[in-house]
């Protein structure tokens, strides 16, 4: 019984952040019908339909979006090192910290989950600029040369 309560409370936490129903169902194992109804009751409108973005490159087409993605990645890495809990709890805490730092950001929770997946699979990398010490996401854009988003110096990648 407590397991069902935990799953439902986790689902409500994800619904608050407008996560995709498929992602919530995959994480909690609750029925899609129940999740759609809960989403509709909580927000007053139905959950978004359609495919979610599959890569960080699709999310970082503008400088603003690139900077938001970088800020979220830093929040996620900090939450990951501070807490040894379930992955979904870390994602929720990182997203909440990101929204406190940047309340008017366009990055939403499903997009943040794409960034998390790319960080985990090493498709993108979070590095500090050697010149200004600002965080940058490598391989997050279609650029041939990686440049710092702040000082515009070329970032040397040590691989």
Foldseek 3Di string as FASTA:
>chain_A
DVLVVVLVVLLVLVLVLLAALVVSCVVRVDDSVVSQVSSCVVPVDGRDDDDDDQALQVQPPDLLSQVLLQQLVVLLVVLVVVDDDDPSVSLSRSVVVSCVVPVPRPDGSNSNVSSVVCPVVVCWDWDAAPPPRDIGIPNSHPDPFDADSPPRHTGDDDD
